[in-house]
C-alpha atoms as a PDB file:
ATOM      1  CA  MET A   1       9.375 -45.486 -42.137  1.00  0.00           C
ATOM      2  CA  SER A   2       8.328 -44.535 -38.632  1.00  0.00           C
ATOM      3  CA  GLU A   3       5.367 -42.254 -38.126  1.00  0.00           C
ATOM      4  CA  SER A   4       6.125 -38.634 -37.407  1.00  0.00           C
ATOM      5  CA  HIS A   5       4.447 -37.034 -34.452  1.00  0.00           C
ATOM      6  CA  PRO A   6       3.783 -33.349 -33.995  1.00  0.00           C
ATOM      7  CA  THR A   7       6.175 -31.691 -31.596  1.00  0.00           C
ATOM      8  CA  THR A   8       4.491 -30.560 -28.389  1.00  0.00           C
ATOM      9  CA  PRO A   9       5.387 -26.924 -27.689  1.00  0.00           C
ATOM     10  CA  PRO A  10       7.069 -26.313 -24.348  1.00  0.00           C
ATOM     11  CA  PRO A  11       4.761 -24.989 -21.641  1.00  0.00           C
ATOM     12  CA  ASP A  12       4.695 -21.249 -21.177  1.00  0.00           C
ATOM     13  CA  ARG A  13       7.003 -19.993 -18.511  1.00  0.00           C
ATOM     14  CA  GLU A  14       5.334 -18.915 -15.278  1.00  0.00           C
ATOM     15  CA  PRO A  15       5.129 -15.119 -15.043  1.00  0.00           C
ATOM     16  CA  ALA A  16       7.599 -13.541 -12.634  1.00  0.00           C
ATOM     17  CA  THR A  17       6.303 -12.792  -9.160  1.00  0.00           C
ATOM     18  CA  LEU A  18       6.287  -9.269  -7.757  1.00  0.00           C
ATOM     19  CA  ALA A  19       9.153 -10.268  -5.467  1.00  0.00           C
ATOM     20  CA  GLN A  20      11.235 -11.517  -8.411  1.00  0.00           C
ATOM     21  CA  LEU A  21      10.507  -8.386 -10.436  1.00  0.00           C
ATOM     22  CA  THR A  22      11.406  -6.231  -7.444  1.00  0.00           C
ATOM     23  CA  THR A  23      14.774  -7.946  -7.019  1.00  0.00           C
ATOM     24  CA  ARG A  24      15.566  -7.457 -10.693  1.00  0.00           C
ATOM     25  CA  ALA A  25      14.436  -3.829 -10.629  1.00  0.00           C
ATOM     26  CA  CYS A  26      16.668  -3.146  -7.624  1.00  0.00           C
ATOM     27  CA  GLU A  27      19.553  -4.498  -9.701  1.00  0.00           C
ATOM     28  CA  GLY A  28      18.812  -1.914 -12.395  1.00  0.00           C
ATOM     29  CA  ASP A  29      16.517  -3.909 -14.695  1.00  0.00           C
ATOM     30  CA  GLU A  30      14.277  -1.251 -16.227  1.00  0.00           C
ATOM     31  CA  GLN A  31      12.030  -3.796 -17.940  1.00  0.00           C
ATOM     32  CA  ALA A  32      11.302  -5.407 -14.574  1.00  0.00           C
ATOM     33  CA  PHE A  33      10.451  -1.974 -13.177  1.00  0.00           C
ATOM     34  CA  GLU A  34       8.124  -1.324 -16.135  1.00  0.00           C
ATOM     35  CA  GLU A  35       6.361  -4.618 -15.410  1.00  0.00           C
ATOM     36  CA  LEU A  36       5.964  -3.612 -11.756  1.00  0.00           C
ATOM     37  CA  HIS A  37       4.487  -0.338 -12.972  1.00  0.00           C
ATOM     38  CA  ARG A  38       2.061  -2.203 -15.249  1.00  0.00           C
ATOM     39  CA  ARG A  39       0.847  -4.462 -12.443  1.00  0.00           C
ATOM     40  CA  LEU A  40       0.648  -1.911  -9.633  1.00  0.00           C
ATOM     41  CA  ALA A  41      -0.256   1.352 -11.378  1.00  0.00           C
ATOM     42  CA  GLY A  42      -4.011   0.817 -11.186  1.00  0.00           C
ATOM     43  CA  GLY A  43      -3.940   0.075  -7.464  1.00  0.00           C
ATOM     44  CA  LEU A  44      -1.837   3.147  -6.727  1.00  0.00           C
ATOM     45  CA  ARG A  45      -4.194   5.358  -8.736  1.00  0.00           C
ATOM     46  CA  ARG A  46      -7.228   4.086  -6.807  1.00  0.00           C
ATOM     47  CA  PHE A  47      -5.369   4.441  -3.501  1.00  0.00           C
ATOM     48  CA  LEU A  48      -4.437   8.081  -4.186  1.00  0.00           C
ATOM     49  CA  ALA A  49      -7.743   9.005  -5.842  1.00  0.00           C
ATOM     50  CA  ARG A  50      -9.591   8.157  -2.623  1.00  0.00           C
ATOM     51  CA  ARG A  51      -7.360  10.615  -0.787  1.00  0.00           C
ATOM     52  CA  VAL A  52      -6.947  13.589  -3.105  1.00  0.00           C
ATOM     53  CA  GLY A  53     -10.046  13.446  -5.330  1.00  0.00           C
ATOM     54  CA  GLY A  54     -10.721  16.450  -7.529  1.00  0.00           C
ATOM     55  CA  SER A  55      -8.177  17.352 -10.176  1.00  0.00           C
ATOM     56  CA  GLU A  56      -6.979  14.559 -12.454  1.00  0.00           C
ATOM     57  CA  GLN A  57      -3.904  16.670 -13.195  1.00  0.00           C
ATOM     58  CA  VAL A  58      -2.905  16.775  -9.533  1.00  0.00           C
ATOM     59  CA  LEU A  59      -3.562  13.037  -9.210  1.00  0.00           C
ATOM     60  CA  ASP A  60      -1.462  12.262 -12.299  1.00  0.00           C
ATOM     61  CA  GLU A  61       1.426  14.375 -11.004  1.00  0.00           C
ATOM     62  CA  LEU A  62       1.354  12.733  -7.579  1.00  0.00           C
ATOM     63  CA  ILE A  63       1.349   9.288  -9.187  1.00  0.00           C
ATOM     64  CA  GLN A  64       4.219  10.153 -11.513  1.00  0.00           C
ATOM     65  CA  THR A  65       6.273  11.593  -8.668  1.00  0.00           C
ATOM     66  CA  ALA A  66       5.634   8.546  -6.474  1.00  0.00           C
ATOM     67  CA  TRP A  67       6.923   6.203  -9.194  1.00  0.00           C
ATOM     68  CA  VAL A  68       9.982   8.386  -9.785  1.00  0.00           C
ATOM     69  CA  GLU A  69      10.784   8.310  -6.077  1.00  0.00           C
ATOM     70  CA  VAL A  70      10.354   4.531  -5.887  1.00  0.00           C
ATOM     71  CA  TRP A  71      12.714   4.050  -8.846  1.00  0.00           C
ATOM     72  CA  ARG A  72      15.294   6.376  -7.258  1.00  0.00           C
ATOM     73  CA  ALA A  73      15.065   4.518  -3.958  1.00  0.00           C
ATOM     74  CA  MET A  74      15.622   1.207  -5.763  1.00  0.00           C
ATOM     75  CA  ARG A  75      18.459   2.540  -7.883  1.00  0.00           C
ATOM     76  CA  ASP A  76      20.258   4.178  -4.950  1.00  0.00           C
ATOM     77  CA  GLY A  77      19.875   1.177  -2.633  1.00  0.00           C
ATOM     78  CA  ARG A  78      17.582   3.015  -0.212  1.00  0.00           C
ATOM     79  CA  TYR A  79      14.836   0.437  -0.595  1.00  0.00           C
ATOM     80  CA  ASP A  80      15.473  -3.060   0.772  1.00  0.00           C
ATOM     81  CA  PRO A  81      12.956  -5.608  -0.604  1.00  0.00           C
ATOM     82  CA  GLU A  82      13.701  -7.873   2.360  1.00  0.00           C
ATOM     83  CA  ARG A  83      12.127  -5.320   4.699  1.00  0.00           C
ATOM     84  CA  GLY A  84       8.891  -4.530   2.925  1.00  0.00           C
ATOM     85  CA  ARG A  85       6.810  -5.605  -0.036  1.00  0.00           C
ATOM     86  CA  ILE A  86       7.058  -3.383  -3.092  1.00  0.00           C
ATOM     87  CA  SER A  87       3.312  -2.674  -3.031  1.00  0.00           C
ATOM     88  CA  THR A  88       3.560  -1.492   0.571  1.00  0.00           C
ATOM     89  CA  PHE A  89       6.580   0.665  -0.177  1.00  0.00           C
ATOM     90  CA  LEU A  90       4.889   2.173  -3.248  1.00  0.00           C
ATOM     91  CA  TYR A  91       1.743   3.046  -1.282  1.00  0.00           C
ATOM     92  CA  ALA A  92       3.824   4.481   1.558  1.00  0.00           C
ATOM     93  CA  VAL A  93       5.648   6.774  -0.870  1.00  0.00           C
ATOM     94  CA  GLY A  94       2.324   7.754  -2.449  1.00  0.00           C
ATOM     95  CA  TYR A  95       0.866   8.482   0.967  1.00  0.00           C
ATOM     96  CA  LYS A  96       3.777  10.744   1.835  1.00  0.00           C
ATOM     97  CA  MET A  97       3.201  12.584  -1.425  1.00  0.00           C
ATOM     98  CA  VAL A  98      -0.438  13.145  -0.428  1.00  0.00           C
ATOM     99  CA  LEU A  99       0.608  14.519   2.959  1.00  0.00           C
ATOM    100  CA  ARG A 100       3.100  16.825   1.266  1.00  0.00           C
ATOM    101  CA  HIS A 101       0.424  18.021  -1.166  1.00  0.00           C
ATOM    102  CA  PHE A 102      -2.083  18.911   1.559  1.00  0.00           C
ATOM    103  CA  ARG A 103       0.569  20.543   3.723  1.00  0.00           C
ATOM    104  CA  ASP A 104       1.450  22.739   0.749  1.00  0.00           C
ATOM    105  CA  LEU A 105      -2.223  23.582   0.300  1.00  0.00           C
ATOM    106  CA  GLN A 106      -2.551  24.560   3.937  1.00  0.00           C
ATOM    107  CA  ARG A 107       0.684  26.553   3.927  1.00  0.00           C
ATOM    108  CA  ASN A 108       0.009  28.479   0.730  1.00  0.00           C
ATOM    109  CA  ARG A 109      -3.786  28.814   1.020  1.00  0.00           C
ATOM    110  CA  GLU A 110      -4.012  28.067  -2.685  1.00  0.00           C
ATOM    111  CA  THR A 111      -3.576  25.102  -5.003  1.00  0.00           C
ATOM    112  CA  PRO A 112       0.140  24.638  -5.663  1.00  0.00           C
ATOM    113  CA  GLU A 113       1.701  22.408  -8.245  1.00  0.00           C
ATOM    114  CA  PRO A 114       3.125  19.260  -6.571  1.00  0.00           C
ATOM    115  CA  MET A 115       6.031  19.466  -9.072  1.00  0.00           C
ATOM    116  CA  ASP A 116       8.133  22.423 -10.072  1.00  0.00           C
ATOM    117  CA  GLY A 117       7.823  24.080 -13.453  1.00  0.00           C
ATOM    118  CA  GLU A 118      10.313  21.725 -15.086  1.00  0.00           C
ATOM    119  CA  GLY A 119       8.452  18.591 -13.979  1.00  0.00           C
ATOM    120  CA  ARG A 120      11.023  17.505 -11.412  1.00  0.00           C
ATOM    121  CA  ALA A 121       9.927  15.581  -8.341  1.00  0.00           C
ATOM    122  CA  PRO A 122      10.122  17.440  -5.023  1.00  0.00           C
ATOM    123  CA  SER A 123      13.239  16.441  -3.131  1.00  0.00           C
ATOM    124  CA  GLY A 124      13.244  14.727   0.236  1.00  0.00           C
ATOM    125  CA  VAL A 125      10.179  12.515  -0.187  1.00  0.00           C
ATOM    126  CA  VAL A 126      11.873   9.275   0.817  1.00  0.00           C
ATOM    127  CA  GLU A 127      15.092  10.590   2.275  1.00  0.00           C
ATOM    128  CA  ARG A 128      14.431   8.779   5.575  1.00  0.00           C
ATOM    129  CA  ALA A 129      14.428   5.344   4.015  1.00  0.00           C
ATOM    130  CA  ASP A 130      15.080   3.465   7.276  1.00  0.00           C
ATOM    131  CA  GLU A 131      12.065   5.082   8.901  1.00  0.00           C
ATOM    132  CA  MET A 132       9.875   4.337   5.895  1.00  0.00           C
ATOM    133  CA  LEU A 133      11.039   0.723   5.686  1.00  0.00           C
ATOM    134  CA  ALA A 134      10.293   0.266   9.388  1.00  0.00           C
ATOM    135  CA  TRP A 135       6.842   1.651   8.649  1.00  0.00           C
ATOM    136  CA  CYS A 136       6.468  -0.811   5.748  1.00  0.00           C
ATOM    137  CA  GLU A 137       7.505  -3.700   7.996  1.00  0.00           C
ATOM    138  CA  SER A 138       4.788  -2.805  10.489  1.00  0.00           C
ATOM    139  CA  ILE A 139       2.177  -2.461   7.730  1.00  0.00           C
ATOM    140  CA  ASP A 140       3.108  -5.855   6.276  1.00  0.00           C
ATOM    141  CA  ALA A 141       2.894  -7.366   9.760  1.00  0.00           C
ATOM    142  CA  LEU A 142      -0.554  -5.812  10.164  1.00  0.00           C
ATOM    143  CA  ARG A 143      -1.658  -7.296   6.831  1.00  0.00           C
ATOM    144  CA  ASP A 144      -0.478 -10.712   7.979  1.00  0.00           C
ATOM    145  CA  CYS A 145      -2.405 -10.372  11.226  1.00  0.00           C
ATOM    146  CA  LEU A 146      -5.552  -9.404   9.316  1.00  0.00           C
ATOM    147  CA  HIS A 147      -5.505 -12.450   7.058  1.00  0.00           C
ATOM    148  CA  ASP A 148      -3.682 -15.164   9.025  1.00  0.00           C
ATOM    149  CA  ASP A 149      -6.135 -17.938   9.931  1.00  0.00           C
ATOM    150  CA  THR A 150      -3.552 -19.928  11.921  1.00  0.00           C
ATOM    151  CA  THR A 151      -2.944 -17.382  14.678  1.00  0.00           C
ATOM    152  CA  PRO A 152      -4.702 -17.635  18.050  1.00  0.00           C
ATOM    153  CA  HIS A 153      -5.729 -14.016  17.402  1.00  0.00           C
ATOM    154  CA  LYS A 154      -7.563 -14.850  14.161  1.00  0.00           C
ATOM    155  CA  LEU A 155     -10.202 -12.311  13.110  1.00  0.00           C
ATOM    156  CA  THR A 156     -13.677 -13.424  12.113  1.00  0.00           C
ATOM    157  CA  ASP A 157     -15.024 -12.521   8.668  1.00  0.00           C
ATOM    158  CA  GLU A 158     -17.336  -9.983  10.289  1.00  0.00           C
ATOM    159  CA  GLU A 159     -14.457  -8.370  12.190  1.00  0.00           C
ATOM    160  CA  ARG A 160     -12.423  -8.133   8.962  1.00  0.00           C
ATOM    161  CA  ALA A 161     -15.374  -6.485   7.203  1.00  0.00           C
ATOM    162  CA  VAL A 162     -15.683  -3.946  10.010  1.00  0.00           C
ATOM    163  CA  VAL A 163     -11.943  -3.165   9.955  1.00  0.00           C
ATOM    164  CA  ALA A 164     -12.041  -2.724   6.165  1.00  0.00           C
ATOM    165  CA  GLY A 165     -14.985  -0.356   6.516  1.00  0.00           C
ATOM    166  CA  VAL A 166     -13.319   1.659   9.257  1.00  0.00           C
ATOM    167  CA  VAL A 167     -10.137   1.986   7.180  1.00  0.00           C
ATOM    168  CA  ALA A 168     -12.243   3.163   4.225  1.00  0.00           C
ATOM    169  CA  GLY A 169     -13.751   5.873   6.441  1.00  0.00           C
ATOM    170  CA  GLU A 170     -17.232   4.422   6.955  1.00  0.00           C
ATOM    171  CA  THR A 171     -19.154   5.408  10.059  1.00  0.00           C
ATOM    172  CA  GLU A 172     -20.552   2.807  12.418  1.00  0.00           C
ATOM    173  CA  ARG A 173     -24.058   3.654  11.205  1.00  0.00           C
ATOM    174  CA  ALA A 174     -23.042   3.141   7.555  1.00  0.00           C
ATOM    175  CA  LEU A 175     -21.362  -0.154   8.437  1.00  0.00           C
ATOM    176  CA  SER A 176     -24.444  -1.211  10.377  1.00  0.00           C
ATOM    177  CA  ASN A 177     -26.649  -0.595   7.327  1.00  0.00           C
ATOM    178  CA  ARG A 178     -24.282  -2.251   4.865  1.00  0.00           C
ATOM    179  CA  LEU A 179     -23.493  -5.334   6.966  1.00  0.00           C
ATOM    180  CA  GLY A 180     -27.018  -5.729   8.344  1.00  0.00           C
ATOM    181  CA  ILE A 181     -25.968  -5.742  12.005  1.00  0.00           C
ATOM    182  CA  ALA A 182     -26.707  -3.399  14.897  1.00  0.00           C
ATOM    183  CA  ALA A 183     -24.479  -0.355  15.396  1.00  0.00           C
ATOM    184  CA  SER A 184     -23.631  -1.671  18.864  1.00  0.00           C
ATOM    185  CA  THR A 185     -22.464  -4.920  17.239  1.00  0.00           C
ATOM    186  CA  VAL A 186     -20.284  -2.956  14.810  1.00  0.00           C
ATOM    187  CA  ASN A 187     -18.671  -1.181  17.743  1.00  0.00           C
ATOM    188  CA  ALA A 188     -18.115  -4.469  19.592  1.00  0.00           C
ATOM    189  CA  ARG A 189     -16.590  -6.106  16.481  1.00  0.00           C
ATOM    190  CA  LYS A 190     -14.319  -3.124  15.964  1.00  0.00           C
ATOM    191  CA  LYS A 191     -13.008  -3.209  19.526  1.00  0.00           C
ATOM    192  CA  SER A 192     -12.537  -6.970  19.385  1.00  0.00           C
ATOM    193  CA  ALA A 193     -10.694  -6.761  16.049  1.00  0.00           C
ATOM    194  CA  PHE A 194      -8.345  -4.001  17.209  1.00  0.00           C
ATOM    195  CA  GLU A 195      -7.529  -5.939  20.363  1.00  0.00           C
ATOM    196  CA  LYS A 196      -6.740  -9.068  18.346  1.00  0.00           C
ATOM    197  CA  LEU A 197      -4.577  -7.038  15.959  1.00  0.00           C
ATOM    198  CA  ARG A 198      -2.747  -5.440  18.881  1.00  0.00           C
ATOM    199  CA  LYS A 199      -1.975  -8.860  20.350  1.00  0.00           C
ATOM    200  CA  GLY A 200      -0.982 -10.269  16.967  1.00  0.00           C
ATOM    201  CA  LEU A 201       1.412  -7.392  16.314  1.00  0.00           C
ATOM    202  CA  ALA A 202       2.874  -7.690  19.801  1.00  0.00           C
ATOM    203  CA  ALA A 203       3.559 -11.378  19.139  1.00  0.00           C
ATOM    204  CA  LYS A 204       5.509 -10.301  16.051  1.00  0.00           C
ATOM    205  CA  GLY A 205       7.520  -7.760  18.046  1.00  0.00           C
ATOM    206  CA  PHE A 206       5.493  -4.662  17.191  1.00  0.00           C
ATOM    207  CA  GLU A 207       4.209  -2.766  20.188  1.00  0.00           C
ATOM    208  CA  ARG A 208       2.610   0.142  18.312  1.00  0.00           C
ATOM    209  CA  ASP A 209      -1.071   0.674  19.109  1.00  0.00           C
ATOM    210  CA  VAL A 210      -3.660  -0.288  16.522  1.00  0.00           C
ATOM    211  CA  SER A 211      -6.286   2.402  16.040  1.00  0.00           C
ATOM    212  CA  GLU A 212      -8.613   3.848  13.439  1.00  0.00           C
ATOM    213  CA  ARG A 213      -5.961   6.368  12.388  1.00  0.00           C
ATOM    214  CA  GLY A 214      -2.894   5.609  10.379  1.00  0.00           C
ATOM    215  CA  PRO A 215      -1.396   5.457   6.908  1.00  0.00           C
ATOM    216  CA  PHE A 216      -4.244   3.461   5.417  1.00  0.00           C
ATOM    217  CA  GLY A 217      -6.986   4.936   7.557  1.00  0.00           C
ATOM    218  CA  ARG A 218      -8.109   8.461   8.298  1.00  0.00           C
ATOM    219  CA  GLU A 219      -5.755  11.313   9.039  1.00  0.00           C
END
């Protein structure tokens, strides 16, 4: 009788990538969308919390509305995964919700509810999908320029740290203290980084200026 050998279990399947989940979600796969939500929800909450602060209720409503709008854009074919990463698109929708919230505050001079009394999302958040996708394309290109070490316009680690601090709203003095370099050096690194990013974006076909202001910086 031949010896029996234990059967080796098959290796676990590799988890789906965000791109694969996005494609499936755009085809109507709700489970894929739920997995996207699980992976990206924490990042969106941190992203919005830095911008709205204060009331957890307002933050929760903005987050919920952003996810509803992303799902609608996927379902209706207004979001094209070939033109922008899902994380970028999600943050762009969230950012537009923040702008809408503060415009309502300014217009009404009081704290309004971002949703109506029945919990429906405000209409018209991502109605200009082409414009938003073009925005996402430029943001993704900017991300590539920030982290690409093969480009002739490669940023140094110090320049990346300065850009990250500027985007987070730090002053040059705060960056100087945190990074342990002179304020004049911070300013020089910032100018050098923005010039490299401008050239990198131009090489990719984007002529928009790079500055301290923008969707992921200060408004």
